[in-house]
Full PDB file with SEQRES, HELIX, SHEET, SSBOND, CRYST1, ORIGX, SCALE, CONECT and MASTER records, all heavy atoms in Angstrom:
SEQRES   1 A   35  LYS ALA LEU GLY VAL ILE ALA ALA ILE VAL LEU GLY GLY          
SEQRES   2 A   35  ARG LEU LEU LEU ARG PRO ALA LEU ARG TRP ILE ALA GLY          
SEQRES   3 A   35  SER ARG THR PRO GLU ILE PHE THR ALA                          
HELIX    1 AA1 ALA A    2  GLY A   12  1                                  11    
HELIX    2 AA2 GLY A   13  LEU A   17  3                                   5    
HELIX    3 AA3 ARG A   18  ALA A   25  1                                   8    
HELIX    4 AA4 PRO A   30  THR A   34  1                                   5    
CRYST1    1.000    1.000    1.000  90.00  90.00  90.00 P 1           1          
ORIGX1      1.000000  0.000000  0.000000        0.00000                         
ORIGX2      0.000000  1.000000  0.000000        0.00000                         
ORIGX3      0.000000  0.000000  1.000000        0.00000                         
SCALE1      1.000000  0.000000  0.000000        0.00000                         
SCALE2      0.000000  1.000000  0.000000        0.00000                         
SCALE3      0.000000  0.000000  1.000000        0.00000                         
ATOM      1  N   LYS A   1       3.865  18.894 -10.705  1.00  0.00           N  
ATOM      2  CA  LYS A   1       3.026  17.874 -10.694  1.00  0.00           C  
ATOM      3  C   LYS A   1       3.932  16.653 -10.227  1.00  0.00           C  
ATOM      4  O   LYS A   1       3.530  15.914  -9.283  1.00  0.00           O  
ATOM      5  CB  LYS A   1       2.414  17.427 -12.020  1.00  0.00           C  
ATOM      6  CG  LYS A   1       1.378  18.340 -12.567  1.00  0.00           C  
ATOM      7  CD  LYS A   1       0.876  17.929 -13.936  1.00  0.00           C  
ATOM      8  CE  LYS A   1      -0.331  18.793 -14.409  1.00  0.00           C  
ATOM      9  NZ  LYS A   1      -0.758  18.404 -15.697  1.00  0.00           N  
ATOM     10  N   ALA A   2       5.140  16.603 -10.645  1.00  0.00           N  
ATOM     11  CA  ALA A   2       6.069  15.602 -10.354  1.00  0.00           C  
ATOM     12  C   ALA A   2       6.308  15.624  -8.734  1.00  0.00           C  
ATOM     13  O   ALA A   2       6.259  14.550  -8.105  1.00  0.00           O  
ATOM     14  CB  ALA A   2       7.412  15.802 -11.044  1.00  0.00           C  
ATOM     15  N   LEU A   3       6.653  16.776  -8.199  1.00  0.00           N  
ATOM     16  CA  LEU A   3       6.814  16.861  -6.792  1.00  0.00           C  
ATOM     17  C   LEU A   3       5.556  16.487  -6.094  1.00  0.00           C  
ATOM     18  O   LEU A   3       5.655  15.786  -5.062  1.00  0.00           O  
ATOM     19  CB  LEU A   3       7.164  18.343  -6.444  1.00  0.00           C  
ATOM     20  CG  LEU A   3       8.509  18.815  -7.046  1.00  0.00           C  
ATOM     21  CD1 LEU A   3       8.835  20.355  -6.652  1.00  0.00           C  
ATOM     22  CD2 LEU A   3       9.715  17.952  -6.329  1.00  0.00           C  
ATOM     23  N   GLY A   4       4.404  16.854  -6.563  1.00  0.00           N  
ATOM     24  CA  GLY A   4       3.059  16.369  -5.909  1.00  0.00           C  
ATOM     25  C   GLY A   4       3.009  14.931  -5.821  1.00  0.00           C  
ATOM     26  O   GLY A   4       2.583  14.328  -4.776  1.00  0.00           O  
ATOM     27  N   VAL A   5       3.252  14.285  -6.927  1.00  0.00           N  
ATOM     28  CA  VAL A   5       3.142  12.880  -7.026  1.00  0.00           C  
ATOM     29  C   VAL A   5       4.173  12.196  -6.135  1.00  0.00           C  
ATOM     30  O   VAL A   5       3.814  11.159  -5.394  1.00  0.00           O  
ATOM     31  CB  VAL A   5       3.279  12.337  -8.361  1.00  0.00           C  
ATOM     32  CG1 VAL A   5       3.460  10.787  -8.452  1.00  0.00           C  
ATOM     33  CG2 VAL A   5       2.237  12.652  -9.292  1.00  0.00           C  
ATOM     34  N   ILE A   6       5.331  12.584  -6.032  1.00  0.00           N  
ATOM     35  CA  ILE A   6       6.438  12.120  -5.166  1.00  0.00           C  
ATOM     36  C   ILE A   6       5.957  12.284  -3.681  1.00  0.00           C  
ATOM     37  O   ILE A   6       6.144  11.283  -2.892  1.00  0.00           O  
ATOM     38  CB  ILE A   6       7.811  12.679  -5.413  1.00  0.00           C  
ATOM     39  CG1 ILE A   6       8.321  12.319  -6.809  1.00  0.00           C  
ATOM     40  CG2 ILE A   6       8.769  12.257  -4.298  1.00  0.00           C  
ATOM     41  CD1 ILE A   6       9.554  13.015  -7.186  1.00  0.00           C  
ATOM     42  N   ALA A   7       5.518  13.464  -3.397  1.00  0.00           N  
ATOM     43  CA  ALA A   7       4.905  13.568  -1.954  1.00  0.00           C  
ATOM     44  C   ALA A   7       3.801  12.595  -1.745  1.00  0.00           C  
ATOM     45  O   ALA A   7       3.690  12.041  -0.554  1.00  0.00           O  
ATOM     46  CB  ALA A   7       4.500  15.015  -1.834  1.00  0.00           C  
ATOM     47  N   ALA A   8       2.950  12.475  -2.634  1.00  0.00           N  
ATOM     48  CA  ALA A   8       1.833  11.558  -2.437  1.00  0.00           C  
ATOM     49  C   ALA A   8       2.227  10.008  -2.250  1.00  0.00           C  
ATOM     50  O   ALA A   8       1.833   9.357  -1.266  1.00  0.00           O  
ATOM     51  CB  ALA A   8       0.883  11.661  -3.661  1.00  0.00           C  
ATOM     52  N   ILE A   9       3.341   9.670  -3.003  1.00  0.00           N  
ATOM     53  CA  ILE A   9       3.836   8.349  -2.940  1.00  0.00           C  
ATOM     54  C   ILE A   9       4.422   8.097  -1.473  1.00  0.00           C  
ATOM     55  O   ILE A   9       4.115   7.108  -0.706  1.00  0.00           O  
ATOM     56  CB  ILE A   9       4.811   7.950  -3.951  1.00  0.00           C  
ATOM     57  CG1 ILE A   9       4.055   7.832  -5.287  1.00  0.00           C  
ATOM     58  CG2 ILE A   9       5.509   6.689  -3.609  1.00  0.00           C  
ATOM     59  CD1 ILE A   9       5.011   7.750  -6.450  1.00  0.00           C  
ATOM     60  N   VAL A  10       5.270   9.168  -1.049  1.00  0.00           N  
ATOM     61  CA  VAL A  10       5.939   9.038   0.300  1.00  0.00           C  
ATOM     62  C   VAL A  10       4.881   9.040   1.435  1.00  0.00           C  
ATOM     63  O   VAL A  10       4.893   8.133   2.311  1.00  0.00           O  
ATOM     64  CB  VAL A  10       6.838  10.213   0.408  1.00  0.00           C  
ATOM     65  CG1 VAL A  10       7.456  10.293   1.820  1.00  0.00           C  
ATOM     66  CG2 VAL A  10       8.107  10.065  -0.547  1.00  0.00           C  
ATOM     67  N   LEU A  11       3.931  10.000   1.499  1.00  0.00           N  
ATOM     68  CA  LEU A  11       2.908  10.042   2.421  1.00  0.00           C  
ATOM     69  C   LEU A  11       2.071   8.895   2.408  1.00  0.00           C  
ATOM     70  O   LEU A  11       1.670   8.196   3.395  1.00  0.00           O  
ATOM     71  CB  LEU A  11       2.056  11.291   2.304  1.00  0.00           C  
ATOM     72  CG  LEU A  11       2.753  12.583   2.612  1.00  0.00           C  
ATOM     73  CD1 LEU A  11       2.000  13.792   2.340  1.00  0.00           C  
ATOM     74  CD2 LEU A  11       3.298  12.677   4.064  1.00  0.00           C  
ATOM     75  N   GLY A  12       1.585   8.405   1.261  1.00  0.00           N  
ATOM     76  CA  GLY A  12       0.748   7.198   1.147  1.00  0.00           C  
ATOM     77  C   GLY A  12       1.489   6.048   1.651  1.00  0.00           C  
ATOM     78  O   GLY A  12       0.827   5.149   2.236  1.00  0.00           O  
ATOM     79  N   GLY A  13       2.707   5.868   1.278  1.00  0.00           N  
ATOM     80  CA  GLY A  13       3.567   4.706   1.713  1.00  0.00           C  
ATOM     81  C   GLY A  13       3.675   4.665   3.224  1.00  0.00           C  
ATOM     82  O   GLY A  13       3.520   3.672   3.813  1.00  0.00           O  
ATOM     83  N   ARG A  14       3.816   5.853   3.772  1.00  0.00           N  
ATOM     84  CA  ARG A  14       3.898   5.850   5.357  1.00  0.00           C  
ATOM     85  C   ARG A  14       2.593   5.565   6.085  1.00  0.00           C  
ATOM     86  O   ARG A  14       2.516   4.887   7.012  1.00  0.00           O  
ATOM     87  CB  ARG A  14       4.447   7.293   5.755  1.00  0.00           C  
ATOM     88  CG  ARG A  14       5.754   7.651   5.234  1.00  0.00           C  
ATOM     89  CD  ARG A  14       6.765   7.244   6.373  1.00  0.00           C  
ATOM     90  NE  ARG A  14       8.145   7.461   6.083  1.00  0.00           N  
ATOM     91  CZ  ARG A  14       9.159   6.971   6.712  1.00  0.00           C  
ATOM     92  NH1 ARG A  14       8.968   6.070   7.497  1.00  0.00           N  
ATOM     93  NH2 ARG A  14      10.359   7.298   6.353  1.00  0.00           N  
ATOM     94  N   LEU A  15       1.473   6.026   5.510  1.00  0.00           N  
ATOM     95  CA  LEU A  15       0.217   6.057   6.258  1.00  0.00           C  
ATOM     96  C   LEU A  15      -0.656   5.010   5.708  1.00  0.00           C  
ATOM     97  O   LEU A  15      -1.553   4.482   6.568  1.00  0.00           O  
ATOM     98  CB  LEU A  15      -0.451   7.394   6.041  1.00  0.00           C  
ATOM     99  CG  LEU A  15       0.273   8.676   6.462  1.00  0.00           C  
ATOM    100  CD1 LEU A  15      -0.512   9.856   6.275  1.00  0.00           C  
ATOM    101  CD2 LEU A  15       0.461   8.450   8.010  1.00  0.00           C  
ATOM    102  N   LEU A  16      -0.625   4.506   4.471  1.00  0.00           N  
ATOM    103  CA  LEU A  16      -1.666   3.646   4.058  1.00  0.00           C  
ATOM    104  C   LEU A  16      -1.103   2.219   3.630  1.00  0.00           C  
ATOM    105  O   LEU A  16      -1.908   1.276   3.692  1.00  0.00           O  
ATOM    106  CB  LEU A  16      -2.308   4.196   2.742  1.00  0.00           C  
ATOM    107  CG  LEU A  16      -2.992   5.603   2.953  1.00  0.00           C  
ATOM    108  CD1 LEU A  16      -3.457   6.118   1.670  1.00  0.00           C  
ATOM    109  CD2 LEU A  16      -4.064   5.437   4.070  1.00  0.00           C  
ATOM    110  N   LEU A  17       0.118   2.050   3.090  1.00  0.00           N  
ATOM    111  CA  LEU A  17       0.504   0.892   2.628  1.00  0.00           C  
ATOM    112  C   LEU A  17       0.510  -0.202   3.548  1.00  0.00           C  
ATOM    113  O   LEU A  17       0.048  -1.410   3.219  1.00  0.00           O  
ATOM    114  CB  LEU A  17       2.013   0.957   1.950  1.00  0.00           C  
ATOM    115  CG  LEU A  17       2.066   1.521   0.521  1.00  0.00           C  
ATOM    116  CD1 LEU A  17       3.457   1.621   0.086  1.00  0.00           C  
ATOM    117  CD2 LEU A  17       1.056   0.819  -0.386  1.00  0.00           C  
ATOM    118  N   ARG A  18       1.181  -0.104   4.716  1.00  0.00           N  
ATOM    119  CA  ARG A  18       1.147  -1.211   5.674  1.00  0.00           C  
ATOM    120  C   ARG A  18      -0.182  -1.647   6.231  1.00  0.00           C  
ATOM    121  O   ARG A  18      -0.442  -2.871   6.218  1.00  0.00           O  
ATOM    122  CB  ARG A  18       2.031  -0.667   6.964  1.00  0.00           C  
ATOM    123  CG  ARG A  18       3.527  -0.752   6.576  1.00  0.00           C  
ATOM    124  CD  ARG A  18       4.385  -0.553   7.904  1.00  0.00           C  
ATOM    125  NE  ARG A  18       5.661  -0.323   7.591  1.00  0.00           N  
ATOM    126  CZ  ARG A  18       6.748  -0.263   8.416  1.00  0.00           C  
ATOM    127  NH1 ARG A  18       6.341  -0.293   9.794  1.00  0.00           N  
ATOM    128  NH2 ARG A  18       7.984  -0.006   8.200  1.00  0.00           N  
ATOM    129  N   PRO A  19      -1.093  -0.783   6.581  1.00  0.00           N  
ATOM    130  CA  PRO A  19      -2.483  -1.161   6.886  1.00  0.00           C  
ATOM    131  C   PRO A  19      -3.131  -1.953   5.741  1.00  0.00           C  
ATOM    132  O   PRO A  19      -3.778  -2.981   6.119  1.00  0.00           O  
ATOM    133  CB  PRO A  19      -3.231   0.116   7.322  1.00  0.00           C  
ATOM    134  CG  PRO A  19      -2.095   1.043   7.618  1.00  0.00           C  
ATOM    135  CD  PRO A  19      -0.966   0.733   6.721  1.00  0.00           C  
ATOM    136  N   ALA A  20      -2.945  -1.449   4.512  1.00  0.00           N  
ATOM    137  CA  ALA A  20      -3.581  -2.149   3.448  1.00  0.00           C  
ATOM    138  C   ALA A  20      -2.997  -3.450   3.242  1.00  0.00           C  
ATOM    139  O   ALA A  20      -3.754  -4.484   3.067  1.00  0.00           O  
ATOM    140  CB  ALA A  20      -3.361  -1.376   2.175  1.00  0.00           C  
ATOM    141  N   LEU A  21      -1.680  -3.684   3.300  1.00  0.00           N  
ATOM    142  CA  LEU A  21      -1.040  -4.920   3.107  1.00  0.00           C  
ATOM    143  C   LEU A  21      -1.539  -5.910   4.254  1.00  0.00           C  
ATOM    144  O   LEU A  21      -1.645  -7.062   4.108  1.00  0.00           O  
ATOM    145  CB  LEU A  21       0.398  -4.810   3.017  1.00  0.00           C  
ATOM    146  CG  LEU A  21       1.002  -4.209   1.781  1.00  0.00           C  
ATOM    147  CD1 LEU A  21       2.425  -4.046   1.848  1.00  0.00           C  
ATOM    148  CD2 LEU A  21       0.675  -5.074   0.565  1.00  0.00           C  
ATOM    149  N   ARG A  22      -1.610  -5.300   5.527  1.00  0.00           N  
ATOM    150  CA  ARG A  22      -2.019  -6.094   6.695  1.00  0.00           C  
ATOM    151  C   ARG A  22      -3.431  -6.726   6.461  1.00  0.00           C  
ATOM    152  O   ARG A  22      -3.767  -7.826   6.764  1.00  0.00           O  
ATOM    153  CB  ARG A  22      -1.888  -5.304   8.023  1.00  0.00           C  
ATOM    154  CG  ARG A  22      -2.129  -6.068   9.212  1.00  0.00           C  
ATOM    155  CD  ARG A  22      -1.894  -5.224  10.455  1.00  0.00           C  
ATOM    156  NE  ARG A  22      -0.559  -4.702  10.443  1.00  0.00           N  
ATOM    157  CZ  ARG A  22      -0.300  -3.448  10.451  1.00  0.00           C  
ATOM    158  NH1 ARG A  22      -1.155  -2.544  10.339  1.00  0.00           N  
ATOM    159  NH2 ARG A  22       1.054  -3.028  10.490  1.00  0.00           N  
ATOM    160  N   TRP A  23      -4.281  -5.864   5.925  1.00  0.00           N  
ATOM    161  CA  TRP A  23      -5.599  -6.322   5.684  1.00  0.00           C  
ATOM    162  C   TRP A  23      -5.804  -7.291   4.691  1.00  0.00           C  
ATOM    163  O   TRP A  23      -6.453  -8.269   4.662  1.00  0.00           O  
ATOM    164  CB  TRP A  23      -6.462  -5.018   5.288  1.00  0.00           C  
ATOM    165  CG  TRP A  23      -7.996  -5.324   4.960  1.00  0.00           C  
ATOM    166  CD1 TRP A  23      -9.004  -5.664   5.855  1.00  0.00           C  
ATOM    167  CD2 TRP A  23      -8.492  -5.377   3.675  1.00  0.00           C  
ATOM    168  NE1 TRP A  23     -10.040  -5.925   5.121  1.00  0.00           N  
ATOM    169  CE2 TRP A  23      -9.785  -5.717   3.756  1.00  0.00           C  
ATOM    170  CE3 TRP A  23      -8.017  -5.125   2.374  1.00  0.00           C  
ATOM    171  CZ2 TRP A  23     -10.745  -5.874   2.796  1.00  0.00           C  
ATOM    172  CZ3 TRP A  23      -8.873  -5.219   1.334  1.00  0.00           C  
ATOM    173  CH2 TRP A  23     -10.188  -5.543   1.415  1.00  0.00           C  
ATOM    174  N   ILE A  24      -4.903  -7.147   3.582  1.00  0.00           N  
ATOM    175  CA  ILE A  24      -4.997  -8.220   2.476  1.00  0.00           C  
ATOM    176  C   ILE A  24      -4.370  -9.461   2.990  1.00  0.00           C  
ATOM    177  O   ILE A  24      -4.868 -10.527   2.691  1.00  0.00           O  
ATOM    178  CB  ILE A  24      -4.097  -7.655   1.277  1.00  0.00           C  
ATOM    179  CG1 ILE A  24      -4.867  -6.455   0.635  1.00  0.00           C  
ATOM    180  CG2 ILE A  24      -3.901  -8.665   0.268  1.00  0.00           C  
ATOM    181  CD1 ILE A  24      -4.032  -5.596  -0.346  1.00  0.00           C  
ATOM    182  N   ALA A  25      -3.262  -9.341   3.764  1.00  0.00           N  
ATOM    183  CA  ALA A  25      -2.641 -10.598   4.268  1.00  0.00           C  
ATOM    184  C   ALA A  25      -3.567 -11.337   5.230  1.00  0.00           C  
ATOM    185  O   ALA A  25      -3.434 -12.636   5.297  1.00  0.00           O  
ATOM    186  CB  ALA A  25      -1.329 -10.248   4.962  1.00  0.00           C  
ATOM    187  N   GLY A  26      -4.517 -10.587   5.967  1.00  0.00           N  
ATOM    188  CA  GLY A  26      -5.490 -11.252   6.715  1.00  0.00           C  
ATOM    189  C   GLY A  26      -6.411 -12.229   6.071  1.00  0.00           C  
ATOM    190  O   GLY A  26      -7.069 -12.995   6.639  1.00  0.00           O  
ATOM    191  N   SER A  27      -6.574 -11.904   4.672  1.00  0.00           N  
ATOM    192  CA  SER A  27      -7.478 -12.902   3.990  1.00  0.00           C  
ATOM    193  C   SER A  27      -6.938 -14.210   3.813  1.00  0.00           C  
ATOM    194  O   SER A  27      -7.637 -15.078   3.391  1.00  0.00           O  
ATOM    195  CB  SER A  27      -7.764 -12.263   2.602  1.00  0.00           C  
ATOM    196  OG  SER A  27      -6.539 -12.269   1.837  1.00  0.00           O  
ATOM    197  N   ARG A  28      -5.560 -14.375   4.168  1.00  0.00           N  
ATOM    198  CA  ARG A  28      -4.874 -15.667   4.023  1.00  0.00           C  
ATOM    199  C   ARG A  28      -5.083 -16.350   2.678  1.00  0.00           C  
ATOM    200  O   ARG A  28      -5.385 -17.623   2.565  1.00  0.00           O  
ATOM    201  CB  ARG A  28      -5.291 -16.647   5.043  1.00  0.00           C  
ATOM    202  CG  ARG A  28      -5.184 -16.057   6.515  1.00  0.00           C  
ATOM    203  CD  ARG A  28      -5.466 -17.124   7.523  1.00  0.00           C  
ATOM    204  NE  ARG A  28      -5.337 -16.386   8.919  1.00  0.00           N  
ATOM    205  CZ  ARG A  28      -4.134 -16.304   9.548  1.00  0.00           C  
ATOM    206  NH1 ARG A  28      -3.057 -16.649   8.949  1.00  0.00           N  
ATOM    207  NH2 ARG A  28      -4.122 -15.716  10.722  1.00  0.00           N  
ATOM    208  N   THR A  29      -5.043 -15.460   1.648  1.00  0.00           N  
ATOM    209  CA  THR A  29      -5.160 -15.983   0.177  1.00  0.00           C  
ATOM    210  C   THR A  29      -3.893 -15.596  -0.480  1.00  0.00           C  
ATOM    211  O   THR A  29      -3.707 -14.383  -0.908  1.00  0.00           O  
ATOM    212  CB  THR A  29      -6.406 -15.472  -0.479  1.00  0.00           C  
ATOM    213  OG1 THR A  29      -7.511 -15.505   0.405  1.00  0.00           O  
ATOM    214  CG2 THR A  29      -6.624 -16.027  -1.811  1.00  0.00           C  
ATOM    215  N   PRO A  30      -2.969 -16.522  -0.617  1.00  0.00           N  
ATOM    216  CA  PRO A  30      -1.580 -16.137  -1.252  1.00  0.00           C  
ATOM    217  C   PRO A  30      -1.635 -15.472  -2.594  1.00  0.00           C  
ATOM    218  O   PRO A  30      -0.920 -14.510  -2.784  1.00  0.00           O  
ATOM    219  CB  PRO A  30      -0.822 -17.519  -1.282  1.00  0.00           C  
ATOM    220  CG  PRO A  30      -1.491 -18.296  -0.363  1.00  0.00           C  
ATOM    221  CD  PRO A  30      -2.966 -17.872  -0.250  1.00  0.00           C  
ATOM    222  N   GLU A  31      -2.517 -15.983  -3.476  1.00  0.00           N  
ATOM    223  CA  GLU A  31      -2.580 -15.415  -4.766  1.00  0.00           C  
ATOM    224  C   GLU A  31      -3.110 -13.844  -4.802  1.00  0.00           C  
ATOM    225  O   GLU A  31      -2.632 -13.199  -5.593  1.00  0.00           O  
ATOM    226  CB  GLU A  31      -3.489 -16.174  -5.717  1.00  0.00           C  
ATOM    227  CG  GLU A  31      -4.899 -16.374  -5.306  1.00  0.00           C  
ATOM    228  CD  GLU A  31      -5.219 -17.407  -4.379  1.00  0.00           C  
ATOM    229  OE1 GLU A  31      -4.221 -17.967  -3.746  1.00  0.00           O  
ATOM    230  OE2 GLU A  31      -6.373 -17.911  -4.235  1.00  0.00           O  
ATOM    231  N   ILE A  32      -3.955 -13.705  -3.777  1.00  0.00           N  
ATOM    232  CA  ILE A  32      -4.389 -12.169  -3.725  1.00  0.00           C  
ATOM    233  C   ILE A  32      -3.263 -11.456  -3.223  1.00  0.00           C  
ATOM    234  O   ILE A  32      -3.116 -10.125  -3.711  1.00  0.00           O  
ATOM    235  CB  ILE A  32      -5.670 -12.099  -2.777  1.00  0.00           C  
ATOM    236  CG1 ILE A  32      -6.863 -12.859  -3.342  1.00  0.00           C  
ATOM    237  CG2 ILE A  32      -5.976 -10.556  -2.479  1.00  0.00           C  
ATOM    238  CD1 ILE A  32      -7.158 -12.394  -4.667  1.00  0.00           C  
ATOM    239  N   PHE A  33      -2.401 -11.810  -2.300  1.00  0.00           N  
ATOM    240  CA  PHE A  33      -1.338 -10.995  -1.847  1.00  0.00           C  
ATOM    241  C   PHE A  33      -0.318 -10.775  -3.112  1.00  0.00           C  
ATOM    242  O   PHE A  33       0.233  -9.730  -3.174  1.00  0.00           O  
ATOM    243  CB  PHE A  33      -0.635 -11.701  -0.704  1.00  0.00           C  
ATOM    244  CG  PHE A  33       0.428 -10.848   0.074  1.00  0.00           C  
ATOM    245  CD1 PHE A  33      -0.006  -9.989   1.022  1.00  0.00           C  
ATOM    246  CD2 PHE A  33       1.717 -10.743  -0.384  1.00  0.00           C  
ATOM    247  CE1 PHE A  33       0.900  -9.179   1.772  1.00  0.00           C  
ATOM    248  CE2 PHE A  33       2.493  -9.872   0.276  1.00  0.00           C  
ATOM    249  CZ  PHE A  33       2.126  -9.085   1.292  1.00  0.00           C  
ATOM    250  N   THR A  34      -0.129 -11.796  -3.839  1.00  0.00           N  
ATOM    251  CA  THR A  34       0.694 -11.705  -5.105  1.00  0.00           C  
ATOM    252  C   THR A  34       0.177 -10.641  -5.977  1.00  0.00           C  
ATOM    253  O   THR A  34       0.892  -9.775  -6.455  1.00  0.00           O  
ATOM    254  CB  THR A  34       0.853 -12.946  -5.779  1.00  0.00           C  
ATOM    255  OG1 THR A  34       1.314 -13.990  -4.929  1.00  0.00           O  
ATOM    256  CG2 THR A  34       1.714 -12.908  -6.951  1.00  0.00           C  
ATOM    257  N   ALA A  35      -1.234 -10.677  -6.175  1.00  0.00           N  
ATOM    258  CA  ALA A  35      -1.832  -9.711  -7.057  1.00  0.00           C  
ATOM    259  C   ALA A  35      -1.739  -8.279  -6.427  1.00  0.00           C  
ATOM    260  O   ALA A  35      -1.440  -7.320  -7.196  1.00  0.00           O  
ATOM    261  CB  ALA A  35      -3.392 -10.030  -7.162  1.00  0.00           C  
TER     262      ALA A  35                                                      
MASTER        0    0    0    4    0    0    0    6  261    1    0    3          
END                                                                             
């Protein structure tokens, strides 16, 4: 399970984190980006 979660974090970080943060930053609401 541990190896699976680490793999999920690495792949998710590569594929999903940047687009998600870009979408959130596009709202131009600083407190939401902090959240």
